[in-house]
Protein backbone atom coordinates (compact mmCIF):
# COMPACT_ATOMS: atom_id res chain seq x y z
CA MET A 1 0.00 0.00 0.00
CA TYR A 2 1.28 3.43 -0.93
CA ASN A 3 1.86 5.84 1.94
CA PRO A 4 1.99 9.49 0.79
CA ILE A 5 3.17 10.69 4.20
CA PHE A 6 6.17 8.35 4.07
CA SER A 7 7.03 9.47 0.53
CA SER A 8 6.77 13.12 1.51
CA VAL A 9 9.02 12.62 4.52
CA MET A 10 11.54 10.70 2.40
CA LEU A 11 11.51 13.50 -0.17
CA ALA A 12 12.28 16.01 2.57
CA ILE A 13 15.11 13.90 3.98
CA GLU A 14 16.62 13.20 0.56
CA SER A 15 16.35 16.86 -0.40
CA TRP A 16 18.50 17.94 2.53
CA GLN A 17 21.50 16.16 1.06
CA VAL A 18 21.09 17.99 -2.25
CA ILE A 19 20.61 21.29 -0.43
CA GLU A 20 23.82 20.71 1.51
CA LEU A 21 25.82 19.80 -1.59
CA ARG A 22 24.46 22.79 -3.50
CA MET A 23 25.16 25.20 -0.66
CA VAL A 24 28.79 24.07 -0.60
CA ARG A 25 29.07 24.58 -4.33
CA LEU A 26 27.43 28.02 -4.10
CA ALA A 27 29.65 29.00 -1.17
CA TRP A 28 32.78 28.22 -3.18
CA GLY A 29 31.48 30.57 -5.86
CA GLY A 30 33.30 31.03 -9.11
CA ARG A 31 32.20 29.62 -12.43
CA GLU A 32 30.95 26.36 -10.88
CA GLY A 33 28.88 28.22 -8.29
CA ARG A 34 27.25 30.40 -10.92
CA ALA A 35 26.58 27.38 -13.12
CA GLU A 36 24.98 25.54 -10.19
CA MET A 37 22.80 28.54 -9.36
CA GLN A 38 21.59 28.78 -12.94
CA SER A 39 21.04 25.02 -13.13
CA MET A 40 19.11 25.08 -9.87
CA VAL A 41 16.69 27.76 -11.10
CA VAL A 42 16.14 26.04 -14.44
CA GLU A 43 15.54 22.69 -12.73
CA LYS A 44 13.03 24.19 -10.29
CA VAL A 45 11.01 25.82 -13.07
CA HIS A 46 11.10 22.65 -15.16
CA ALA A 47 10.06 20.42 -12.23
CA ALA A 48 7.20 22.76 -11.29
CA GLY A 49 5.95 22.79 -14.88
CA GLU A 50 6.18 19.01 -15.04
CA ALA A 51 4.19 18.72 -11.79
CA ILE A 52 1.49 21.10 -13.04
CA ILE A 53 1.13 19.20 -16.31
CA THR A 54 0.97 15.87 -14.48
CA LEU A 55 -1.80 17.12 -12.22
CA MET A 56 -3.71 18.78 -15.06
CA LEU A 57 -3.67 15.52 -17.00
CA GLY A 58 -5.15 13.64 -14.05
CA GLY A 59 -1.98 12.44 -12.38
CA SER A 60 -1.94 11.98 -8.65
CA PRO A 61 0.06 13.92 -6.06
CA GLU A 62 1.83 10.64 -5.33
CA THR A 63 3.07 10.56 -8.93
CA VAL A 64 4.39 14.10 -8.56
CA ILE A 65 6.19 13.22 -5.32
CA ALA A 66 7.72 10.13 -6.92
CA ARG A 67 8.97 12.20 -9.85
CA TYR A 68 10.44 14.86 -7.53
CA ARG A 69 12.27 12.08 -5.69
CA GLU A 70 13.76 10.99 -9.02
CA HIS A 71 14.96 14.54 -9.66
CA VAL A 72 16.48 14.71 -6.18
CA ALA A 73 18.25 11.36 -6.61
CA PHE A 74 19.69 12.48 -9.95
CA ASN A 75 20.97 15.74 -8.45
CA ALA A 76 22.46 13.98 -5.43
CA LYS A 77 24.38 11.62 -7.70
CA ARG A 78 25.51 14.45 -9.99
CA LEU A 79 26.70 16.64 -7.13
CA LYS A 80 28.54 13.82 -5.37
CA GLU A 81 30.45 12.92 -8.52
CA ALA A 82 31.51 16.46 -9.32
């Protein structure tokens, strides 16, 4: 059985790691910091648009949360490797 509370809590926990990694990159500044800031804004706008479209087409909030978790996992992997 799907538990939306659990997924939401997991999204929040997983997001903290990405926030931490991004803050370090932004704090270092330079070209990489600026690139991360730009990437972050573009990703947020894209993810919000994707969520809106999913909901408008009849998708569930659970689907949106699952997709956000995918985005977070991708960013965590990308930031750890860099």
